Amino acid sequence: MHEPPEIGARRHGKQGAVLGRDTVSTATTVERAELLREASLTICGRREGKTTSCTSCLRKADAVVRLVKGSDLNTVLVPRIADIICGSAGHPCGLCWDKATTLVLELRP
Protein backbone atom coordinates (compact mmCIF):
# COMPACT_ATOMS: atom_id res chain seq x y z
CA MET A 1 0.00 0.00 0.00
CA HIS A 2 1.37 3.40 -0.98
CA GLU A 3 1.32 6.39 1.32
CA PRO A 4 0.65 9.97 0.19
CA PRO A 5 3.90 11.80 -0.76
CA GLU A 6 3.68 14.26 2.11
CA ILE A 7 3.56 11.45 4.69
CA GLY A 8 6.53 9.69 3.10
CA ALA A 9 8.46 12.95 3.00
CA ARG A 10 7.77 13.60 6.70
CA ARG A 11 8.73 10.05 7.64
CA HIS A 12 12.07 10.43 5.91
CA GLY A 13 12.81 13.86 7.37
CA LYS A 14 12.16 15.77 4.14
CA GLN A 15 9.79 18.40 5.51
CA GLY A 16 10.17 20.83 2.62
CA ALA A 17 10.40 18.17 -0.08
CA VAL A 18 6.71 18.22 -0.95
CA LEU A 19 4.91 21.46 -1.57
CA GLY A 20 1.49 21.47 -0.03
CA ARG A 21 -0.31 22.21 3.18
CA ASP A 22 2.82 22.09 5.37
CA THR A 23 4.73 24.60 3.24
CA VAL A 24 1.81 27.03 3.09
CA SER A 25 1.07 26.78 6.81
CA THR A 26 4.76 27.28 7.64
CA ALA A 27 4.87 30.45 5.55
CA THR A 28 1.68 31.69 7.19
CA THR A 29 3.07 30.88 10.64
CA VAL A 30 6.29 32.78 9.92
CA GLU A 31 4.33 35.79 8.62
CA ARG A 32 2.07 35.77 11.68
CA ALA A 33 5.04 35.47 14.03
CA GLU A 34 6.71 38.47 12.38
CA LEU A 35 3.46 40.42 12.55
CA LEU A 36 3.08 39.61 16.26
CA ARG A 37 6.69 40.57 16.93
CA GLU A 38 6.29 43.94 15.23
CA ALA A 39 2.96 44.66 16.92
CA SER A 40 4.26 43.65 20.34
CA LEU A 41 7.28 45.94 19.94
CA THR A 42 4.97 48.84 19.10
CA ILE A 43 2.82 48.07 22.15
CA CYS A 44 5.80 47.60 24.47
CA GLY A 45 7.44 50.81 23.30
CA ARG A 46 9.75 50.85 20.33
CA ARG A 47 13.20 52.29 20.89
CA GLU A 48 16.64 51.92 19.41
CA GLY A 49 18.29 48.63 20.30
CA LYS A 50 15.10 46.99 21.58
CA THR A 51 14.46 43.74 19.72
CA THR A 52 11.87 41.94 21.84
CA SER A 53 8.85 42.84 23.90
CA CYS A 54 7.72 41.59 27.27
CA THR A 55 5.34 38.62 27.58
CA SER A 56 2.43 40.85 28.55
CA CYS A 57 2.77 42.96 25.40
CA LEU A 58 3.10 39.85 23.25
CA ARG A 59 -0.25 38.60 24.60
CA LYS A 60 -1.80 42.00 23.94
CA ALA A 61 -0.37 41.94 20.40
CA ASP A 62 -2.17 38.68 19.67
CA ALA A 63 -5.54 40.21 20.60
CA VAL A 64 -4.76 43.40 18.69
CA VAL A 65 -3.69 41.59 15.51
CA ARG A 66 -6.89 39.52 15.59
CA LEU A 67 -8.95 42.69 15.79
CA VAL A 68 -7.02 44.63 13.17
CA LYS A 69 -6.78 41.76 10.68
CA GLY A 70 -10.43 40.83 11.16
CA SER A 71 -13.07 41.68 8.61
CA ASP A 72 -14.65 44.51 10.59
CA LEU A 73 -13.17 47.97 10.49
CA ASN A 74 -15.37 50.27 12.49
CA THR A 75 -15.28 53.29 14.75
CA VAL A 76 -14.76 51.28 17.95
CA LEU A 77 -11.64 49.50 16.71
CA VAL A 78 -9.05 52.07 17.85
CA PRO A 79 -10.64 52.58 21.30
CA ARG A 80 -10.82 48.81 21.84
CA ILE A 81 -7.19 48.36 20.86
CA ALA A 82 -6.12 51.30 23.04
CA ASP A 83 -7.98 49.75 25.96
CA ILE A 84 -6.30 46.36 25.39
CA ILE A 85 -2.89 48.01 25.32
CA CYS A 86 -3.51 50.21 28.35
CA GLY A 87 -5.54 47.74 30.39
CA SER A 88 -7.54 50.70 31.62
CA ALA A 89 -11.09 49.33 31.57
CA GLY A 90 -12.42 51.95 29.16
CA HIS A 91 -10.13 54.91 29.84
CA PRO A 92 -6.89 54.48 27.87
CA CYS A 93 -4.16 57.08 28.18
CA GLY A 94 -3.00 59.25 25.27
CA LEU A 95 0.13 57.18 24.63
CA CYS A 96 -1.95 54.01 24.24
CA TRP A 97 -4.32 55.84 21.87
CA ASP A 98 -1.29 56.77 19.75
CA LYS A 99 -0.02 53.18 19.77
CA ALA A 100 -3.47 51.87 18.80
CA THR A 101 -3.72 54.32 15.92
CA THR A 102 -0.23 53.36 14.74
CA LEU A 103 -1.08 49.66 14.84
CA VAL A 104 -4.26 50.12 12.84
CA LEU A 105 -2.43 52.17 10.21
CA GLU A 106 0.49 49.73 10.02
CA LEU A 107 -1.42 46.45 10.09
CA ARG A 108 -4.57 47.20 8.16
CA PRO A 109 -4.36 46.18 4.48
PDB file of N, CA and C in Angstrom:
ATOM      1  N   MET A   1       0.841  -1.172   0.000  1.00  0.00           N
ATOM      2  CA  MET A   1       0.000   0.000   0.000  1.00  0.00           C
ATOM      3  C   MET A   1       0.894   1.245   0.000  1.00  0.00           C
ATOM      4  N   HIS A   2       0.573   2.180  -0.857  1.00  0.00           N
ATOM      5  CA  HIS A   2       1.369   3.399  -0.980  1.00  0.00           C
ATOM      6  C   HIS A   2       0.820   4.474  -0.057  1.00  0.00           C
ATOM      7  N   GLU A   3       1.730   5.273   0.476  1.00  0.00           N
ATOM      8  CA  GLU A   3       1.316   6.395   1.320  1.00  0.00           C
ATOM      9  C   GLU A   3       1.388   7.682   0.518  1.00  0.00           C
ATOM     10  N   PRO A   4       0.587   8.675   0.883  1.00  0.00           N
ATOM     11  CA  PRO A   4       0.653   9.971   0.189  1.00  0.00           C
ATOM     12  C   PRO A   4       2.067  10.541   0.284  1.00  0.00           C
ATOM     13  N   PRO A   5       2.516  11.282  -0.740  1.00  0.00           N
ATOM     14  CA  PRO A   5       3.897  11.799  -0.763  1.00  0.00           C
ATOM     15  C   PRO A   5       4.276  12.618   0.455  1.00  0.00           C
ATOM     16  N   GLU A   6       3.311  13.416   0.973  1.00  0.00           N
ATOM     17  CA  GLU A   6       3.678  14.258   2.112  1.00  0.00           C
ATOM     18  C   GLU A   6       3.967  13.450   3.370  1.00  0.00           C
ATOM     19  N   ILE A   7       3.297  12.299   3.528  1.00  0.00           N
ATOM     20  CA  ILE A   7       3.558  11.449   4.689  1.00  0.00           C
ATOM     21  C   ILE A   7       4.924  10.796   4.540  1.00  0.00           C
ATOM     22  N   GLY A   8       5.217  10.281   3.350  1.00  0.00           N
ATOM     23  CA  GLY A   8       6.528   9.687   3.103  1.00  0.00           C
ATOM     24  C   GLY A   8       7.649  10.685   3.294  1.00  0.00           C
ATOM     25  N   ALA A   9       7.446  11.913   2.851  1.00  0.00           N
ATOM     26  CA  ALA A   9       8.464  12.954   3.002  1.00  0.00           C
ATOM     27  C   ALA A   9       8.701  13.258   4.476  1.00  0.00           C
ATOM     28  N   ARG A  10       7.622  13.326   5.257  1.00  0.00           N
ATOM     29  CA  ARG A  10       7.772  13.604   6.696  1.00  0.00           C
ATOM     30  C   ARG A  10       8.496  12.452   7.388  1.00  0.00           C
ATOM     31  N   ARG A  11       8.136  11.220   7.006  1.00  0.00           N
ATOM     32  CA  ARG A  11       8.727  10.049   7.643  1.00  0.00           C
ATOM     33  C   ARG A  11      10.230  10.001   7.398  1.00  0.00           C
ATOM     34  N   HIS A  12      10.662  10.474   6.263  1.00  0.00           N
ATOM     35  CA  HIS A  12      12.075  10.428   5.913  1.00  0.00           C
ATOM     36  C   HIS A  12      12.797  11.737   6.192  1.00  0.00           C
ATOM     37  N   GLY A  13      12.170  12.625   6.960  1.00  0.00           N
ATOM     38  CA  GLY A  13      12.815  13.861   7.372  1.00  0.00           C
ATOM     39  C   GLY A  13      12.922  14.903   6.280  1.00  0.00           C
ATOM     40  N   LYS A  14      12.095  14.810   5.257  1.00  0.00           N
ATOM     41  CA  LYS A  14      12.156  15.765   4.145  1.00  0.00           C
ATOM     42  C   LYS A  14      10.959  16.705   4.229  1.00  0.00           C
ATOM     43  N   GLN A  15      10.921  17.519   5.263  1.00  0.00           N
ATOM     44  CA  GLN A  15       9.786  18.401   5.515  1.00  0.00           C
ATOM     45  C   GLN A  15       9.443  19.293   4.333  1.00  0.00           C
ATOM     46  N   GLY A  16      10.427  19.890   3.705  1.00  0.00           N
ATOM     47  CA  GLY A  16      10.170  20.832   2.619  1.00  0.00           C
ATOM     48  C   GLY A  16      10.152  20.183   1.242  1.00  0.00           C
ATOM     49  N   ALA A  17      10.280  18.849   1.195  1.00  0.00           N
ATOM     50  CA  ALA A  17      10.397  18.173  -0.084  1.00  0.00           C
ATOM     51  C   ALA A  17       9.110  18.224  -0.902  1.00  0.00           C
ATOM     52  N   VAL A  18       7.986  18.236  -0.247  1.00  0.00           N
ATOM     53  CA  VAL A  18       6.709  18.220  -0.947  1.00  0.00           C
ATOM     54  C   VAL A  18       6.000  19.535  -0.687  1.00  0.00           C
ATOM     55  N   LEU A  19       5.659  20.232  -1.735  1.00  0.00           N
ATOM     56  CA  LEU A  19       4.912  21.463  -1.571  1.00  0.00           C
ATOM     57  C   LEU A  19       3.467  21.099  -1.305  1.00  0.00           C
ATOM     58  N   GLY A  20       2.882  21.770  -0.364  1.00  0.00           N
ATOM     59  CA  GLY A  20       1.492  21.472  -0.032  1.00  0.00           C
ATOM     60  C   GLY A  20       1.089  22.195   1.217  1.00  0.00           C
ATOM     61  N   ARG A  21       0.236  21.570   1.967  1.00  0.00           N
ATOM     62  CA  ARG A  21      -0.305  22.207   3.177  1.00  0.00           C
ATOM     63  C   ARG A  21       0.782  22.632   4.149  1.00  0.00           C
ATOM     64  N   ASP A  22       1.777  21.770   4.388  1.00  0.00           N
ATOM     65  CA  ASP A  22       2.817  22.087   5.367  1.00  0.00           C
ATOM     66  C   ASP A  22       3.608  23.323   4.974  1.00  0.00           C
ATOM     67  N   THR A  23       3.953  23.461   3.708  1.00  0.00           N
ATOM     68  CA  THR A  23       4.729  24.601   3.245  1.00  0.00           C
ATOM     69  C   THR A  23       3.929  25.887   3.379  1.00  0.00           C
ATOM     70  N   VAL A  24       2.661  25.841   3.001  1.00  0.00           N
ATOM     71  CA  VAL A  24       1.808  27.027   3.091  1.00  0.00           C
ATOM     72  C   VAL A  24       1.601  27.421   4.539  1.00  0.00           C
ATOM     73  N   SER A  25       1.312  26.439   5.412  1.00  0.00           N
ATOM     74  CA  SER A  25       1.069  26.780   6.807  1.00  0.00           C
ATOM     75  C   SER A  25       2.338  27.286   7.485  1.00  0.00           C
ATOM     76  N   THR A  26       3.506  26.790   7.082  1.00  0.00           N
ATOM     77  CA  THR A  26       4.761  27.280   7.643  1.00  0.00           C
ATOM     78  C   THR A  26       4.979  28.735   7.253  1.00  0.00           C
ATOM     79  N   ALA A  27       4.716  29.069   5.992  1.00  0.00           N
ATOM     80  CA  ALA A  27       4.871  30.454   5.547  1.00  0.00           C
ATOM     81  C   ALA A  27       3.903  31.361   6.295  1.00  0.00           C
ATOM     82  N   THR A  28       2.677  30.911   6.468  1.00  0.00           N
ATOM     83  CA  THR A  28       1.684  31.685   7.192  1.00  0.00           C
ATOM     84  C   THR A  28       2.095  31.857   8.646  1.00  0.00           C
ATOM     85  N   THR A  29       2.623  30.815   9.249  1.00  0.00           N
ATOM     86  CA  THR A  29       3.068  30.875  10.637  1.00  0.00           C
ATOM     87  C   THR A  29       4.210  31.865  10.798  1.00  0.00           C
ATOM     88  N   VAL A  30       5.150  31.850   9.867  1.00  0.00           N
ATOM     89  CA  VAL A  30       6.288  32.780   9.922  1.00  0.00           C
ATOM     90  C   VAL A  30       5.797  34.215   9.763  1.00  0.00           C
ATOM     91  N   GLU A  31       4.882  34.448   8.818  1.00  0.00           N
ATOM     92  CA  GLU A  31       4.334  35.789   8.621  1.00  0.00           C
ATOM     93  C   GLU A  31       3.602  36.264   9.869  1.00  0.00           C
ATOM     94  N   ARG A  32       2.812  35.392  10.474  1.00  0.00           N
ATOM     95  CA  ARG A  32       2.069  35.768  11.685  1.00  0.00           C
ATOM     96  C   ARG A  32       3.028  36.057  12.837  1.00  0.00           C
ATOM     97  N   ALA A  33       4.066  35.253  12.966  1.00  0.00           N
ATOM     98  CA  ALA A  33       5.043  35.470  14.033  1.00  0.00           C
ATOM     99  C   ALA A  33       5.727  36.827  13.875  1.00  0.00           C
ATOM    100  N   GLU A  34       6.084  37.170  12.648  1.00  0.00           N
ATOM    101  CA  GLU A  34       6.713  38.472  12.380  1.00  0.00           C
ATOM    102  C   GLU A  34       5.741  39.609  12.675  1.00  0.00           C
ATOM    103  N   LEU A  35       4.498  39.422  12.287  1.00  0.00           N
ATOM    104  CA  LEU A  35       3.465  40.418  12.547  1.00  0.00           C
ATOM    105  C   LEU A  35       3.282  40.623  14.050  1.00  0.00           C
ATOM    106  N   LEU A  36       3.216  39.525  14.798  1.00  0.00           N
ATOM    107  CA  LEU A  36       3.076  39.612  16.258  1.00  0.00           C
ATOM    108  C   LEU A  36       4.291  40.284  16.890  1.00  0.00           C
ATOM    109  N   ARG A  37       5.466  39.963  16.381  1.00  0.00           N
ATOM    110  CA  ARG A  37       6.692  40.573  16.930  1.00  0.00           C
ATOM    111  C   ARG A  37       6.680  42.078  16.732  1.00  0.00           C
ATOM    112  N   GLU A  38       6.333  42.507  15.518  1.00  0.00           N
ATOM    113  CA  GLU A  38       6.295  43.942  15.234  1.00  0.00           C
ATOM    114  C   GLU A  38       5.218  44.651  16.063  1.00  0.00           C
ATOM    115  N   ALA A  39       4.045  44.055  16.147  1.00  0.00           N
ATOM    116  CA  ALA A  39       2.957  44.660  16.923  1.00  0.00           C
ATOM    117  C   ALA A  39       3.313  44.719  18.404  1.00  0.00           C
ATOM    118  N   SER A  40       3.914  43.659  18.919  1.00  0.00           N
ATOM    119  CA  SER A  40       4.264  43.650  20.345  1.00  0.00           C
ATOM    120  C   SER A  40       5.347  44.669  20.659  1.00  0.00           C
ATOM    121  N   LEU A  41       6.268  44.901  19.733  1.00  0.00           N
ATOM    122  CA  LEU A  41       7.280  45.939  19.941  1.00  0.00           C
ATOM    123  C   LEU A  41       6.642  47.329  19.968  1.00  0.00           C
ATOM    124  N   THR A  42       5.665  47.555  19.096  1.00  0.00           N
ATOM    125  CA  THR A  42       4.968  48.840  19.099  1.00  0.00           C
ATOM    126  C   THR A  42       4.236  49.030  20.422  1.00  0.00           C
ATOM    127  N   ILE A  43       3.576  47.995  20.889  1.00  0.00           N
ATOM    128  CA  ILE A  43       2.824  48.075  22.145  1.00  0.00           C
ATOM    129  C   ILE A  43       3.770  48.284  23.324  1.00  0.00           C
ATOM    130  N   CYS A  44       4.866  47.552  23.343  1.00  0.00           N
ATOM    131  CA  CYS A  44       5.803  47.603  24.472  1.00  0.00           C
ATOM    132  C   CYS A  44       6.589  48.912  24.509  1.00  0.00           C
ATOM    133  N   GLY A  45       6.694  49.561  23.361  1.00  0.00           N
ATOM    134  CA  GLY A  45       7.442  50.813  23.300  1.00  0.00           C
ATOM    135  C   GLY A  45       8.704  50.634  22.490  1.00  0.00           C
ATOM    136  N   ARG A  46       8.617  50.978  21.233  1.00  0.00           N
ATOM    137  CA  ARG A  46       9.750  50.846  20.328  1.00  0.00           C
ATOM    138  C   ARG A  46      10.835  51.856  20.686  1.00  0.00           C
ATOM    139  N   ARG A  47      12.063  51.384  20.732  1.00  0.00           N
ATOM    140  CA  ARG A  47      13.201  52.294  20.895  1.00  0.00           C
ATOM    141  C   ARG A  47      14.439  51.618  20.320  1.00  0.00           C
ATOM    142  N   GLU A  48      15.427  52.416  20.044  1.00  0.00           N
ATOM    143  CA  GLU A  48      16.644  51.924  19.414  1.00  0.00           C
ATOM    144  C   GLU A  48      17.283  50.820  20.265  1.00  0.00           C
ATOM    145  N   GLY A  49      17.642  49.738  19.611  1.00  0.00           N
ATOM    146  CA  GLY A  49      18.294  48.627  20.302  1.00  0.00           C
ATOM    147  C   GLY A  49      17.343  47.606  20.885  1.00  0.00           C
ATOM    148  N   LYS A  50      16.069  47.932  21.003  1.00  0.00           N
ATOM    149  CA  LYS A  50      15.102  46.992  21.578  1.00  0.00           C
ATOM    150  C   LYS A  50      14.654  46.029  20.486  1.00  0.00           C
ATOM    151  N   THR A  51      14.795  44.733  20.739  1.00  0.00           N
ATOM    152  CA  THR A  51      14.456  43.742  19.720  1.00  0.00           C
ATOM    153  C   THR A  51      13.303  42.829  20.113  1.00  0.00           C
ATOM    154  N   THR A  52      12.977  42.792  21.399  1.00  0.00           N
ATOM    155  CA  THR A  52      11.874  41.939  21.843  1.00  0.00           C
ATOM    156  C   THR A  52      10.997  42.699  22.829  1.00  0.00           C
ATOM    157  N   SER A  53       9.779  42.228  22.948  1.00  0.00           N
ATOM    158  CA  SER A  53       8.853  42.840  23.899  1.00  0.00           C
ATOM    159  C   SER A  53       8.682  41.917  25.105  1.00  0.00           C
ATOM    160  N   CYS A  54       8.002  42.413  26.103  1.00  0.00           N
ATOM    161  CA  CYS A  54       7.719  41.586  27.269  1.00  0.00           C
ATOM    162  C   CYS A  54       6.567  40.623  26.947  1.00  0.00           C
ATOM    163  N   THR A  55       6.381  39.626  27.784  1.00  0.00           N
ATOM    164  CA  THR A  55       5.337  38.623  27.584  1.00  0.00           C
ATOM    165  C   THR A  55       3.952  39.247  27.591  1.00  0.00           C
ATOM    166  N   SER A  56       3.729  40.194  28.462  1.00  0.00           N
ATOM    167  CA  SER A  56       2.429  40.851  28.554  1.00  0.00           C
ATOM    168  C   SER A  56       2.077  41.554  27.245  1.00  0.00           C
ATOM    169  N   CYS A  57       3.025  42.252  26.663  1.00  0.00           N
ATOM    170  CA  CYS A  57       2.771  42.963  25.400  1.00  0.00           C
ATOM    171  C   CYS A  57       2.611  41.996  24.233  1.00  0.00           C
ATOM    172  N   LEU A  58       3.277  40.856  24.292  1.00  0.00           N
ATOM    173  CA  LEU A  58       3.097  39.851  23.250  1.00  0.00           C
ATOM    174  C   LEU A  58       1.676  39.299  23.287  1.00  0.00           C
ATOM    175  N   ARG A  59       1.139  39.065  24.481  1.00  0.00           N
ATOM    176  CA  ARG A  59      -0.254  38.602  24.601  1.00  0.00           C
ATOM    177  C   ARG A  59      -1.223  39.664  24.094  1.00  0.00           C
ATOM    178  N   LYS A  60      -0.947  40.908  24.424  1.00  0.00           N
ATOM    179  CA  LYS A  60      -1.796  41.998  23.938  1.00  0.00           C
ATOM    180  C   LYS A  60      -1.732  42.081  22.417  1.00  0.00           C
ATOM    181  N   ALA A  61      -0.551  41.876  21.855  1.00  0.00           N
ATOM    182  CA  ALA A  61      -0.374  41.944  20.400  1.00  0.00           C
ATOM    183  C   ALA A  61      -1.234  40.902  19.698  1.00  0.00           C
ATOM    184  N   ASP A  62      -1.349  39.724  20.282  1.00  0.00           N
ATOM    185  CA  ASP A  62      -2.170  38.681  19.673  1.00  0.00           C
ATOM    186  C   ASP A  62      -3.625  39.141  19.558  1.00  0.00           C
ATOM    187  N   ALA A  63      -4.153  39.715  20.627  1.00  0.00           N
ATOM    188  CA  ALA A  63      -5.539  40.214  20.599  1.00  0.00           C
ATOM    189  C   ALA A  63      -5.683  41.368  19.609  1.00  0.00           C
ATOM    190  N   VAL A  64      -4.711  42.243  19.588  1.00  0.00           N
ATOM    191  CA  VAL A  64      -4.757  43.405  18.694  1.00  0.00           C
ATOM    192  C   VAL A  64      -4.709  42.969  17.233  1.00  0.00           C
ATOM    193  N   VAL A  65      -3.815  42.055  16.901  1.00  0.00           N
ATOM    194  CA  VAL A  65      -3.694  41.594  15.515  1.00  0.00           C
ATOM    195  C   VAL A  65      -4.987  40.922  15.063  1.00  0.00           C
ATOM    196  N   ARG A  66      -5.600  40.153  15.942  1.00  0.00           N
ATOM    197  CA  ARG A  66      -6.885  39.523  15.589  1.00  0.00           C
ATOM    198  C   ARG A  66      -7.937  40.571  15.267  1.00  0.00           C
ATOM    199  N   LEU A  67      -7.984  41.624  16.050  1.00  0.00           N
ATOM    200  CA  LEU A  67      -8.954  42.690  15.792  1.00  0.00           C
ATOM    201  C   LEU A  67      -8.646  43.437  14.495  1.00  0.00           C
ATOM    202  N   VAL A  68      -7.397  43.815  14.328  1.00  0.00           N
ATOM    203  CA  VAL A  68      -7.022  44.625  13.172  1.00  0.00           C
ATOM    204  C   VAL A  68      -7.140  43.833  11.877  1.00  0.00           C
ATOM    205  N   LYS A  69      -6.751  42.583  11.888  1.00  0.00           N
ATOM    206  CA  LYS A  69      -6.785  41.760  10.683  1.00  0.00           C
ATOM    207  C   LYS A  69      -8.164  41.171  10.421  1.00  0.00           C
ATOM    208  N   GLY A  70      -9.081  41.341  11.352  1.00  0.00           N
ATOM    209  CA  GLY A  70     -10.432  40.834  11.157  1.00  0.00           C
ATOM    210  C   GLY A  70     -11.158  41.585  10.056  1.00  0.00           C
ATOM    211  N   SER A  71     -12.327  41.101   9.729  1.00  0.00           N
ATOM    212  CA  SER A  71     -13.069  41.684   8.607  1.00  0.00           C
ATOM    213  C   SER A  71     -13.724  43.022   8.941  1.00  0.00           C
ATOM    214  N   ASP A  72     -13.949  43.280  10.210  1.00  0.00           N
ATOM    215  CA  ASP A  72     -14.652  44.506  10.594  1.00  0.00           C
ATOM    216  C   ASP A  72     -13.686  45.646  10.874  1.00  0.00           C
ATOM    217  N   LEU A  73     -13.887  46.745  10.179  1.00  0.00           N
ATOM    218  CA  LEU A  73     -13.168  47.971  10.493  1.00  0.00           C
ATOM    219  C   LEU A  73     -14.244  48.988  10.825  1.00  0.00           C
ATOM    220  N   ASN A  74     -14.316  49.350  12.090  1.00  0.00           N
ATOM    221  CA  ASN A  74     -15.372  50.272  12.495  1.00  0.00           C
ATOM    222  C   ASN A  74     -14.840  51.298  13.482  1.00  0.00           C
ATOM    223  N   THR A  75     -15.703  52.153  13.926  1.00  0.00           N
ATOM    224  CA  THR A  75     -15.284  53.286  14.754  1.00  0.00           C
ATOM    225  C   THR A  75     -14.843  52.877  16.157  1.00  0.00           C
ATOM    226  N   VAL A  76     -15.177  51.690  16.604  1.00  0.00           N
ATOM    227  CA  VAL A  76     -14.759  51.282  17.949  1.00  0.00           C
ATOM    228  C   VAL A  76     -13.446  50.505  17.947  1.00  0.00           C
ATOM    229  N   LEU A  77     -12.851  50.290  16.781  1.00  0.00           N
ATOM    230  CA  LEU A  77     -11.638  49.500  16.709  1.00  0.00           C
ATOM    231  C   LEU A  77     -10.470  50.147  17.457  1.00  0.00           C
ATOM    232  N   VAL A  78     -10.189  51.402  17.185  1.00  0.00           N
ATOM    233  CA  VAL A  78      -9.053  52.067  17.846  1.00  0.00           C
ATOM    234  C   VAL A  78      -9.265  52.158  19.362  1.00  0.00           C
ATOM    235  N   PRO A  79     -10.449  52.566  19.845  1.00  0.00           N
ATOM    236  CA  PRO A  79     -10.637  52.581  21.299  1.00  0.00           C
ATOM    237  C   PRO A  79     -10.490  51.201  21.950  1.00  0.00           C
ATOM    238  N   ARG A  80     -10.964  50.160  21.284  1.00  0.00           N
ATOM    239  CA  ARG A  80     -10.825  48.807  21.842  1.00  0.00           C
ATOM    240  C   ARG A  80      -9.368  48.404  21.919  1.00  0.00           C
ATOM    241  N   ILE A  81      -8.616  48.702  20.863  1.00  0.00           N
ATOM    242  CA  ILE A  81      -7.194  48.357  20.856  1.00  0.00           C
ATOM    243  C   ILE A  81      -6.449  49.170  21.917  1.00  0.00           C
ATOM    244  N   ALA A  82      -6.759  50.454  22.021  1.00  0.00           N
ATOM    245  CA  ALA A  82      -6.119  51.299  23.038  1.00  0.00           C
ATOM    246  C   ALA A  82      -6.403  50.768  24.432  1.00  0.00           C
ATOM    247  N   ASP A  83      -7.618  50.297  24.656  1.00  0.00           N
ATOM    248  CA  ASP A  83      -7.981  49.746  25.963  1.00  0.00           C
ATOM    249  C   ASP A  83      -7.237  48.444  26.241  1.00  0.00           C
ATOM    250  N   ILE A  84      -7.069  47.600  25.219  1.00  0.00           N
ATOM    251  CA  ILE A  84      -6.299  46.356  25.389  1.00  0.00           C
ATOM    252  C   ILE A  84      -4.863  46.682  25.764  1.00  0.00           C
ATOM    253  N   ILE A  85      -4.280  47.634  25.066  1.00  0.00           N
ATOM    254  CA  ILE A  85      -2.892  48.006  25.319  1.00  0.00           C
ATOM    255  C   ILE A  85      -2.727  48.591  26.716  1.00  0.00           C
ATOM    256  N   CYS A  86      -3.630  49.488  27.085  1.00  0.00           N
ATOM    257  CA  CYS A  86      -3.513  50.212  28.348  1.00  0.00           C
ATOM    258  C   CYS A  86      -3.993  49.388  29.544  1.00  0.00           C
ATOM    259  N   GLY A  87      -4.954  48.506  29.296  1.00  0.00           N
ATOM    260  CA  GLY A  87      -5.535  47.740  30.391  1.00  0.00           C
ATOM    261  C   GLY A  87      -6.302  48.629  31.339  1.00  0.00           C
ATOM    262  N   SER A  88      -6.959  49.643  30.790  1.00  0.00           N
ATOM    263  CA  SER A  88      -7.541  50.701  31.617  1.00  0.00           C
ATOM    264  C   SER A  88      -9.038  50.587  31.843  1.00  0.00           C
ATOM    265  N   ALA A  89      -9.650  49.528  31.386  1.00  0.00           N
ATOM    266  CA  ALA A  89     -11.093  49.331  31.570  1.00  0.00           C
ATOM    267  C   ALA A  89     -11.909  50.504  31.031  1.00  0.00           C
ATOM    268  N   GLY A  90     -11.614  50.928  29.812  1.00  0.00           N
ATOM    269  CA  GLY A  90     -12.418  51.951  29.161  1.00  0.00           C
ATOM    270  C   GLY A  90     -11.862  53.356  29.168  1.00  0.00           C
ATOM    271  N   HIS A  91     -10.707  53.572  29.777  1.00  0.00           N
ATOM    272  CA  HIS A  91     -10.134  54.913  29.844  1.00  0.00           C
ATOM    273  C   HIS A  91      -8.650  54.888  29.499  1.00  0.00           C
ATOM    274  N   PRO A  92      -8.304  54.567  28.234  1.00  0.00           N
ATOM    275  CA  PRO A  92      -6.888  54.482  27.870  1.00  0.00           C
ATOM    276  C   PRO A  92      -6.207  55.853  27.861  1.00  0.00           C
ATOM    277  N   CYS A  93      -4.932  55.843  28.168  1.00  0.00           N
ATOM    278  CA  CYS A  93      -4.157  57.080  28.177  1.00  0.00           C
ATOM    279  C   CYS A  93      -3.832  57.505  26.744  1.00  0.00           C
ATOM    280  N   GLY A  94      -3.326  58.704  26.588  1.00  0.00           N
ATOM    281  CA  GLY A  94      -3.001  59.247  25.270  1.00  0.00           C
ATOM    282  C   GLY A  94      -1.935  58.450  24.542  1.00  0.00           C
ATOM    283  N   LEU A  95      -0.932  57.961  25.260  1.00  0.00           N
ATOM    284  CA  LEU A  95       0.131  57.175  24.635  1.00  0.00           C
ATOM    285  C   LEU A  95      -0.431  55.891  24.035  1.00  0.00           C
ATOM    286  N   CYS A  96      -1.346  55.243  24.747  1.00  0.00           N
ATOM    287  CA  CYS A  96      -1.951  54.007  24.239  1.00  0.00           C
ATOM    288  C   CYS A  96      -2.877  54.281  23.050  1.00  0.00           C
ATOM    289  N   TRP A  97      -3.533  55.444  23.034  1.00  0.00           N
ATOM    290  CA  TRP A  97      -4.318  55.843  21.866  1.00  0.00           C
ATOM    291  C   TRP A  97      -3.411  55.978  20.654  1.00  0.00           C
ATOM    292  N   ASP A  98      -2.246  56.604  20.851  1.00  0.00           N
ATOM    293  CA  ASP A  98      -1.287  56.768  19.752  1.00  0.00           C
ATOM    294  C   ASP A  98      -0.789  55.415  19.238  1.00  0.00           C
ATOM    295  N   LYS A  99      -0.479  54.508  20.163  1.00  0.00           N
ATOM    296  CA  LYS A  99      -0.024  53.181  19.775  1.00  0.00           C
ATOM    297  C   LYS A  99      -1.114  52.437  19.010  1.00  0.00           C
ATOM    298  N   ALA A 100      -2.353  52.532  19.469  1.00  0.00           N
ATOM    299  CA  ALA A 100      -3.474  51.868  18.799  1.00  0.00           C
ATOM    300  C   ALA A 100      -3.656  52.407  17.386  1.00  0.00           C
ATOM    301  N   THR A 101      -3.575  53.699  17.245  1.00  0.00           N
ATOM    302  CA  THR A 101      -3.720  54.318  15.919  1.00  0.00           C
ATOM    303  C   THR A 101      -2.595  53.852  14.998  1.00  0.00           C
ATOM    304  N   THR A 102      -1.370  53.821  15.520  1.00  0.00           N
ATOM    305  CA  THR A 102      -0.225  53.362  14.737  1.00  0.00           C
ATOM    306  C   THR A 102      -0.416  51.919  14.285  1.00  0.00           C
ATOM    307  N   LEU A 103      -0.879  51.072  15.187  1.00  0.00           N
ATOM    308  CA  LEU A 103      -1.082  49.663  14.839  1.00  0.00           C
ATOM    309  C   LEU A 103      -2.142  49.495  13.749  1.00  0.00           C
ATOM    310  N   VAL A 104      -3.219  50.218  13.855  1.00  0.00           N
ATOM    311  CA  VAL A 104      -4.261  50.118  12.836  1.00  0.00           C
ATOM    312  C   VAL A 104      -3.726  50.569  11.489  1.00  0.00           C
ATOM    313  N   LEU A 105      -2.976  51.656  11.470  1.00  0.00           N
ATOM    314  CA  LEU A 105      -2.435  52.173  10.212  1.00  0.00           C
ATOM    315  C   LEU A 105      -1.376  51.238   9.628  1.00  0.00           C
ATOM    316  N   GLU A 106      -0.571  50.617  10.494  1.00  0.00           N
ATOM    317  CA  GLU A 106       0.490  49.731  10.022  1.00  0.00           C
ATOM    318  C   GLU A 106      -0.035  48.359   9.588  1.00  0.00           C
ATOM    319  N   LEU A 107      -1.009  47.830  10.309  1.00  0.00           N
ATOM    320  CA  LEU A 107      -1.415  46.446  10.090  1.00  0.00           C
ATOM    321  C   LEU A 107      -2.597  46.267   9.155  1.00  0.00           C
ATOM    322  N   ARG A 108      -3.378  47.313   8.989  1.00  0.00           N
ATOM    323  CA  ARG A 108      -4.572  47.199   8.155  1.00  0.00           C
ATOM    324  C   ARG A 108      -4.181  47.185   6.683  1.00  0.00           C
ATOM    325  N   PRO A 109      -4.712  46.233   5.895  1.00  0.00           N
ATOM    326  CA  PRO A 109      -4.359  46.177   4.480  1.00  0.00           C
ATOM    327  C   PRO A 109      -4.836  47.375   3.691  1.00  0.00           C
TER     328      PRO A 109
END
